[in-house]
Amino acid sequence: MSLLAKLALCAWALAGLIAQANAWGFSYGDQTANNQVCLSCHGKTGEVPKGTYIDPQRFTQTAHANLGCEACHATVPANHPDGNKVPKADCRECHSGISEEYARGLHASKTSCNGCHNPHLVQNPKDVSGQEINMICSNCHNSLEMTAKHGEWLPQSELHLRMLPCITCHTGARDYYISMYIVKSKGDSRFGKREVAEYDELKTMAGGRPIVSLIDTNRDNYVSLEELRVFNRTQTSLHLYGMMTPATVSHKFEILDSRRNCSFCHTSGSGPMQTSFIAVPEADGTFLRVPVEKGAVLDALYAAPDFYMMGSTKNAKLNQIGLAIICCGLIMPVGHGFVRFLTRKNRKQKEHQS
């Protein structure tokens, strides 16, 4: 073997040893999400204090997992744990824009980022349901109190708070879409409280097939109005539950007078309200967004029966029913008047004879 080949072989072996040492260097993982070293302790409840335990299965599905622990915890010393307190990560290093936006809102003086977000469980906004967003808010804002407070000016406040994530009205977002979740009543009761159906439950109902096949019967990853209608007519225990969600999440929380105007949401033929997705739960706790044919919300009677918006929801069947009611209401007075007009001479003669 030539000297050059020997030198190349030695360099390759040395690089391998260095890489292995770095990969298993104590304290944190690398930029390819190799977090096993940290999780070998922090992923076991008996190894670390309760506040520093991280659920390995849930963490690997989060938005931060792919960054690697070192991205946020670069200040952790190589001899960790050495008994010293580890500095907390500063969210502003990556999220400076969001931090500045948040500082201009109502919550800035109330809590920091981790008051609402667990950095080891945080997910992309499109992977979180509207109900989960509201659950975060309810950690500080009591649901009953909020319903009563909104009820001072908002008709059917309980319904509105159930159909809207808090951020829909309390941020300056402008573009919205309708996200429809598969919900199931408790105990299969017709009048039971409806909650987002769990992955395992829906997987069983799908018989081993992808859950979306319960609605998307032709498996083209696109839900037509006809497929929605068939789902709503044939399913007895499952329903679709729509929520109007901002397309872009804002962290400037505020009270906006424009949201007190019914026309903000209930305007005739609102274009954004026609953009809809079915949010299908995944095994990792996220949601798969499957696009729905435009007009699903406007076809409320069949397509999304649990999401009806006055004004913006136009349905031909409802128009026909309304017209029929008006016509029936006019038949009696108009018919009675017409008969009296035809018999006016006879009535005059009888009056004259009497």
Protein backbone atom coordinates (compact mmCIF):
# COMPACT_ATOMS: atom_id res chain seq x y z
CA MET A 1 0.00 0.00 0.00
CA SER A 2 1.39 3.41 -0.96
CA LEU A 3 2.24 6.05 1.63
CA LEU A 4 -0.54 8.29 0.31
CA ALA A 5 -3.11 5.51 0.71
CA LYS A 6 -1.92 4.79 4.26
CA LEU A 7 -2.20 8.48 5.19
CA ALA A 8 -5.72 8.63 3.72
CA LEU A 9 -6.74 5.50 5.67
CA CYS A 10 -5.36 6.93 8.92
CA ALA A 11 -7.16 10.24 8.32
CA TRP A 12 -10.44 8.41 7.68
CA ALA A 13 -10.07 6.34 10.88
CA LEU A 14 -9.16 9.42 12.93
CA ALA A 15 -12.16 11.33 11.56
CA GLY A 16 -14.39 8.42 12.52
CA LEU A 17 -13.07 8.42 16.08
CA ILE A 18 -13.51 12.18 16.40
CA ALA A 19 -17.04 12.00 15.01
CA GLN A 20 -17.91 9.21 17.43
CA ALA A 21 -16.50 11.20 20.34
CA ASN A 22 -18.47 14.27 19.35
CA ALA A 23 -21.63 12.27 18.82
CA TRP A 24 -21.44 10.88 22.32
CA GLY A 25 -19.88 13.93 23.95
CA PHE A 26 -21.71 14.40 27.22
CA SER A 27 -24.42 17.04 27.60
CA TYR A 28 -26.24 17.28 24.28
CA GLY A 29 -27.02 15.95 20.83
CA ASP A 30 -26.02 17.31 17.44
CA GLN A 31 -27.68 19.32 14.69
CA THR A 32 -29.11 16.19 13.07
CA ALA A 33 -31.45 15.62 15.98
CA ASN A 34 -29.26 12.95 17.56
CA ASN A 35 -30.55 13.67 21.06
CA GLN A 36 -30.03 10.23 22.57
CA VAL A 37 -27.27 11.31 24.94
CA CYS A 38 -29.49 13.87 26.65
CA LEU A 39 -32.53 11.62 26.63
CA SER A 40 -30.55 8.72 28.11
CA CYS A 41 -30.98 10.59 31.41
CA HIS A 42 -33.69 13.19 30.83
CA GLY A 43 -35.94 10.62 29.19
CA LYS A 44 -36.10 8.52 32.36
CA THR A 45 -38.27 9.66 35.23
CA GLY A 46 -35.99 8.19 37.90
CA GLU A 47 -32.76 9.70 36.57
CA VAL A 48 -33.51 13.43 36.72
CA PRO A 49 -35.64 15.86 38.80
CA LYS A 50 -39.31 15.91 37.83
CA GLY A 51 -39.13 19.35 36.23
CA THR A 52 -36.40 18.28 33.78
CA TYR A 53 -37.99 15.03 32.58
CA ILE A 54 -38.71 14.94 28.84
CA ASP A 55 -41.02 12.37 27.27
CA PRO A 56 -38.82 10.96 24.45
CA GLN A 57 -41.74 9.81 22.29
CA ARG A 58 -43.56 13.14 22.40
CA PHE A 59 -40.40 15.23 22.09
CA THR A 60 -39.26 13.55 18.89
CA GLN A 61 -42.45 14.77 17.17
CA THR A 62 -42.01 18.42 18.14
CA ALA A 63 -40.80 21.35 16.07
CA HIS A 64 -37.62 21.65 18.18
CA ALA A 65 -36.51 18.02 18.04
CA ASN A 66 -34.92 18.31 14.59
CA LEU A 67 -32.73 21.17 15.78
CA GLY A 68 -30.95 19.04 18.35
CA CYS A 69 -30.60 19.83 22.04
CA GLU A 70 -27.37 21.78 21.49
CA ALA A 71 -29.18 24.44 19.47
CA CYS A 72 -30.90 25.69 22.63
CA HIS A 73 -28.57 24.35 25.33
CA ALA A 74 -25.10 25.20 24.00
CA THR A 75 -24.06 26.59 27.41
CA VAL A 76 -24.39 23.21 29.14
CA PRO A 77 -20.85 22.31 30.29
CA ALA A 78 -19.14 19.15 29.16
CA ASN A 79 -18.90 17.86 32.75
CA HIS A 80 -22.69 18.10 33.25
CA PRO A 81 -24.15 17.16 35.66
CA ASP A 82 -21.69 18.88 37.95
CA GLY A 83 -24.21 20.05 40.52
CA ASN A 84 -24.46 23.58 39.15
CA LYS A 85 -27.71 25.05 37.84
CA VAL A 86 -27.92 25.01 34.04
CA PRO A 87 -28.87 28.36 32.42
CA LYS A 88 -32.26 28.35 30.74
CA ALA A 89 -32.48 28.68 26.98
CA ASP A 90 -33.39 32.11 25.61
CA CYS A 91 -36.21 31.86 23.05
CA ARG A 92 -35.25 35.26 21.63
CA GLU A 93 -32.10 33.83 20.07
CA CYS A 94 -34.27 32.19 17.38
CA HIS A 95 -37.63 33.92 17.79
CA SER A 96 -36.62 37.57 18.03
CA GLY A 97 -39.42 38.70 15.71
CA ILE A 98 -42.08 36.87 17.68
CA SER A 99 -40.61 38.19 20.93
CA GLU A 100 -40.88 41.79 19.70
CA GLU A 101 -44.44 41.19 18.53
CA TYR A 102 -45.39 39.57 21.84
CA ALA A 103 -43.90 42.50 23.77
CA ARG A 104 -46.47 44.82 22.16
CA GLY A 105 -49.44 42.74 23.35
CA LEU A 106 -51.47 42.41 26.52
CA HIS A 107 -49.70 39.32 27.85
CA ALA A 108 -46.12 40.59 27.80
CA SER A 109 -46.26 41.73 31.42
CA LYS A 110 -48.13 38.60 32.53
CA THR A 111 -45.91 35.69 31.51
CA SER A 112 -42.93 34.67 29.40
CA CYS A 113 -42.88 32.27 26.44
CA ASN A 114 -42.88 29.14 28.59
CA GLY A 115 -45.97 30.36 30.40
CA CYS A 116 -47.92 29.18 27.36
CA HIS A 117 -45.46 26.92 25.54
CA ASN A 118 -43.54 23.94 26.82
CA PRO A 119 -40.43 24.10 24.57
CA HIS A 120 -40.13 20.32 24.66
CA LEU A 121 -43.71 19.80 23.44
CA VAL A 122 -44.20 22.73 21.08
CA GLN A 123 -45.53 21.90 17.60
CA ASN A 124 -46.11 23.67 14.33
CA PRO A 125 -49.39 25.67 14.51
CA LYS A 126 -50.98 23.64 11.70
CA ASP A 127 -50.42 20.48 13.76
CA VAL A 128 -52.41 21.80 16.71
CA SER A 129 -56.21 21.77 16.90
CA GLY A 130 -58.21 24.84 17.85
CA GLN A 131 -59.37 23.05 20.98
CA GLU A 132 -55.75 22.50 22.05
CA ILE A 133 -55.01 26.19 21.50
CA ASN A 134 -57.92 27.12 23.73
CA MET A 135 -56.78 24.62 26.37
CA ILE A 136 -53.51 26.58 26.62
CA CYS A 137 -55.49 29.78 27.20
CA SER A 138 -57.71 28.07 29.78
CA ASN A 139 -54.67 27.45 32.00
CA CYS A 140 -55.08 31.09 33.06
CA HIS A 141 -58.51 32.08 31.74
CA ASN A 142 -61.33 30.10 33.36
CA SER A 143 -63.70 28.86 30.64
CA LEU A 144 -66.90 29.56 32.59
CA GLU A 145 -65.78 33.05 33.52
CA MET A 146 -64.81 33.80 29.93
CA THR A 147 -68.16 32.55 28.66
CA ALA A 148 -70.01 34.79 31.11
CA LYS A 149 -67.80 37.80 30.35
CA HIS A 150 -68.21 37.44 26.59
CA GLY A 151 -71.93 36.84 27.11
CA GLU A 152 -72.32 40.45 28.27
CA TRP A 153 -72.14 41.52 24.62
CA LEU A 154 -71.78 38.37 22.46
CA PRO A 155 -74.94 36.35 21.62
CA GLN A 156 -74.51 32.60 22.15
CA SER A 157 -71.09 33.17 23.68
CA GLU A 158 -70.63 29.50 24.60
CA LEU A 159 -71.13 28.49 20.96
CA HIS A 160 -68.73 31.15 19.67
CA LEU A 161 -66.00 30.24 22.16
CA ARG A 162 -66.40 26.59 21.20
CA MET A 163 -66.18 27.24 17.46
CA LEU A 164 -63.32 29.75 17.51
CA PRO A 165 -59.76 29.52 18.79
CA CYS A 166 -59.11 32.50 21.06
CA ILE A 167 -56.42 33.79 18.67
CA THR A 168 -59.02 34.20 15.90
CA CYS A 169 -60.51 37.21 17.67
CA HIS A 170 -57.66 38.30 19.94
CA THR A 171 -54.91 38.75 17.34
CA GLY A 172 -54.76 40.94 14.26
CA ALA A 173 -54.73 38.01 11.83
CA ARG A 174 -56.59 38.70 8.56
CA ASP A 175 -56.59 35.46 6.58
CA TYR A 176 -58.54 32.47 7.87
CA TYR A 177 -59.46 28.95 6.88
CA ILE A 178 -61.97 26.44 8.19
CA SER A 179 -60.38 23.45 9.88
CA MET A 180 -62.82 20.56 10.33
CA TYR A 181 -62.06 17.94 12.97
CA ILE A 182 -63.61 14.50 13.37
CA VAL A 183 -65.46 14.52 16.69
CA LYS A 184 -67.26 11.84 18.66
CA SER A 185 -69.89 12.19 21.37
CA LYS A 186 -69.11 10.75 24.78
CA GLY A 187 -70.70 7.34 25.15
CA ASP A 188 -72.02 7.63 21.58
CA SER A 189 -74.87 9.68 23.00
CA ARG A 190 -76.65 11.91 20.56
CA PHE A 191 -76.65 14.74 23.07
CA GLY A 192 -73.27 14.03 24.69
CA LYS A 193 -70.39 16.49 24.65
CA ARG A 194 -68.43 16.20 21.44
CA GLU A 195 -64.66 15.94 21.61
CA VAL A 196 -61.97 15.47 18.97
CA ALA A 197 -61.77 11.73 18.27
CA GLU A 198 -58.54 9.99 19.26
CA TYR A 199 -56.18 8.42 16.74
CA ASP A 200 -56.45 4.86 18.09
CA GLU A 201 -60.23 4.97 18.11
CA LEU A 202 -60.47 6.20 14.53
CA LYS A 203 -57.79 3.76 13.36
CA THR A 204 -59.91 0.89 14.67
CA MET A 205 -62.99 2.25 12.92
CA ALA A 206 -61.02 2.53 9.67
CA GLY A 207 -60.22 -1.17 9.84
CA GLY A 208 -56.47 -0.78 9.36
CA ARG A 209 -56.81 1.65 6.48
CA PRO A 210 -55.66 5.29 6.75
CA ILE A 211 -58.11 7.28 8.89
CA VAL A 212 -58.73 9.77 6.11
CA SER A 213 -60.34 6.95 4.09
CA LEU A 214 -63.37 7.27 6.40
CA ILE A 215 -64.13 10.44 4.43
CA ASP A 216 -61.85 10.38 1.40
CA THR A 217 -63.31 7.17 0.00
CA ASN A 218 -61.47 7.27 -3.35
CA ARG A 219 -58.12 7.92 -1.57
CA ASP A 220 -57.02 10.83 -3.77
CA ASN A 221 -56.05 13.05 -0.78
CA TYR A 222 -58.81 15.48 -1.71
CA VAL A 223 -62.26 15.55 -0.14
CA SER A 224 -65.12 16.43 -2.46
CA LEU A 225 -68.48 17.84 -1.40
CA GLU A 226 -70.13 14.55 -2.33
CA GLU A 227 -67.73 12.60 -0.09
CA LEU A 228 -68.56 14.96 2.78
CA ARG A 229 -72.27 14.48 2.19
CA VAL A 230 -71.93 10.69 2.18
CA PHE A 231 -69.90 10.83 5.42
CA ASN A 232 -72.50 13.00 7.16
CA ARG A 233 -75.42 10.86 6.00
CA THR A 234 -73.90 7.46 6.83
CA GLN A 235 -71.92 8.11 10.03
CA THR A 236 -73.95 7.90 13.22
CA SER A 237 -71.26 8.28 15.89
CA LEU A 238 -68.82 10.59 14.08
CA HIS A 239 -69.35 14.19 13.10
CA LEU A 240 -67.38 17.06 11.60
CA TYR A 241 -66.65 20.02 13.83
CA GLY A 242 -65.46 23.20 12.12
CA MET A 243 -63.32 25.97 13.57
CA MET A 244 -62.29 29.22 11.89
CA THR A 245 -58.52 29.45 12.37
CA PRO A 246 -56.00 32.16 11.39
CA ALA A 247 -53.79 31.12 8.49
CA THR A 248 -50.86 32.96 10.07
CA VAL A 249 -50.45 32.92 13.84
CA SER A 250 -49.79 36.20 15.59
CA HIS A 251 -48.41 36.59 19.13
CA LYS A 252 -49.65 40.13 19.68
CA PHE A 253 -52.67 39.44 21.86
CA GLU A 254 -55.15 42.30 22.06
CA ILE A 255 -58.81 43.29 22.38
CA LEU A 256 -60.04 44.43 18.97
CA ASP A 257 -63.24 46.42 18.55
CA SER A 258 -63.61 45.12 14.98
CA ARG A 259 -64.23 41.60 16.34
CA ARG A 260 -67.31 42.89 18.16
CA ASN A 261 -68.84 43.68 14.78
CA CYS A 262 -70.81 40.67 13.55
CA SER A 263 -69.96 41.50 9.95
CA PHE A 264 -66.29 40.66 10.57
CA CYS A 265 -67.17 36.97 10.30
CA HIS A 266 -70.74 36.99 9.05
CA THR A 267 -70.32 38.81 5.77
CA SER A 268 -72.09 37.59 2.64
CA GLY A 269 -70.05 35.27 0.44
CA SER A 270 -66.76 35.66 2.33
CA GLY A 271 -64.04 34.13 0.16
CA PRO A 272 -61.59 32.92 2.87
CA MET A 273 -64.39 31.00 4.59
CA GLN A 274 -64.56 28.77 1.53
CA THR A 275 -61.04 27.40 2.17
CA SER A 276 -61.41 24.23 4.22
CA PHE A 277 -59.34 21.31 5.43
CA ILE A 278 -60.10 18.06 7.21
CA ALA A 279 -57.69 17.74 10.14
CA VAL A 280 -57.01 14.02 10.53
CA PRO A 281 -55.18 12.89 13.72
CA GLU A 282 -51.86 11.12 13.27
CA ALA A 283 -50.18 8.55 15.51
CA ASP A 284 -47.60 11.11 16.70
CA GLY A 285 -50.27 13.51 17.98
CA THR A 286 -50.16 15.89 15.02
CA PHE A 287 -52.83 16.44 12.37
CA LEU A 288 -52.76 15.68 8.66
CA ARG A 289 -54.47 18.47 6.73
CA VAL A 290 -56.44 17.18 3.75
CA PRO A 291 -57.85 19.87 1.42
CA VAL A 292 -61.60 20.01 0.89
CA GLU A 293 -63.41 21.16 -2.24
CA LYS A 294 -64.17 24.87 -2.13
CA GLY A 295 -67.63 25.69 -0.91
CA ALA A 296 -67.79 23.08 1.85
CA VAL A 297 -68.78 25.62 4.47
CA LEU A 298 -71.20 27.31 2.09
CA ASP A 299 -72.92 23.95 1.66
CA ALA A 300 -73.48 23.78 5.41
CA LEU A 301 -76.55 21.56 5.50
CA TYR A 302 -74.63 18.60 4.08
CA ALA A 303 -70.92 19.42 4.14
CA ALA A 304 -70.29 20.86 7.60
CA PRO A 305 -73.46 20.65 9.69
CA ASP A 306 -71.68 21.73 12.88
CA PHE A 307 -70.36 24.91 11.31
CA TYR A 308 -72.99 27.32 10.05
CA MET A 309 -72.23 31.00 9.52
CA MET A 310 -75.13 33.36 8.95
CA GLY A 311 -74.73 35.48 5.85
CA SER A 312 -71.54 33.85 4.61
CA THR A 313 -73.14 30.42 4.50
CA LYS A 314 -75.27 30.13 1.40
CA ASN A 315 -77.21 26.93 0.92
CA ALA A 316 -79.65 26.36 -1.93
CA LYS A 317 -81.79 23.92 0.08
CA LEU A 318 -82.23 26.42 2.89
CA ASN A 319 -83.20 29.08 0.37
CA GLN A 320 -85.84 26.76 -1.08
CA ILE A 321 -87.19 25.90 2.36
CA GLY A 322 -87.36 29.58 3.28
CA LEU A 323 -89.20 30.40 0.04
CA ALA A 324 -91.67 27.56 0.68
CA ILE A 325 -92.40 28.90 4.20
CA ILE A 326 -93.04 32.39 2.82
CA CYS A 327 -95.31 31.04 0.07
CA CYS A 328 -97.32 28.92 2.52
CA GLY A 329 -97.72 31.91 4.78
CA LEU A 330 -99.11 33.96 1.90
CA ILE A 331 -101.55 31.35 0.60
CA MET A 332 -104.16 31.89 3.30
CA PRO A 333 -104.43 35.71 3.26
CA VAL A 334 -104.03 36.00 -0.51
CA GLY A 335 -106.45 33.13 -1.16
CA HIS A 336 -108.99 34.51 1.26
CA GLY A 337 -108.80 37.95 -0.31
CA PHE A 338 -109.12 36.52 -3.82
CA VAL A 339 -112.24 34.51 -2.89
CA ARG A 340 -113.82 37.58 -1.33
CA PHE A 341 -113.09 39.54 -4.49
CA LEU A 342 -114.81 36.91 -6.68
CA THR A 343 -117.87 36.73 -4.44
CA ARG A 344 -118.27 40.46 -3.85
CA LYS A 345 -121.43 40.74 -6.03
CA ASN A 346 -123.16 37.86 -4.25
CA ARG A 347 -122.39 39.41 -0.90
CA LYS A 348 -123.71 42.79 -1.99
CA GLN A 349 -126.99 41.22 -3.18
CA LYS A 350 -127.48 39.39 0.09
CA GLU A 351 -126.77 42.58 2.01
CA HIS A 352 -129.35 44.44 -0.14
CA GLN A 353 -132.01 41.78 0.37
CA SER A 354 -131.49 41.80 4.09
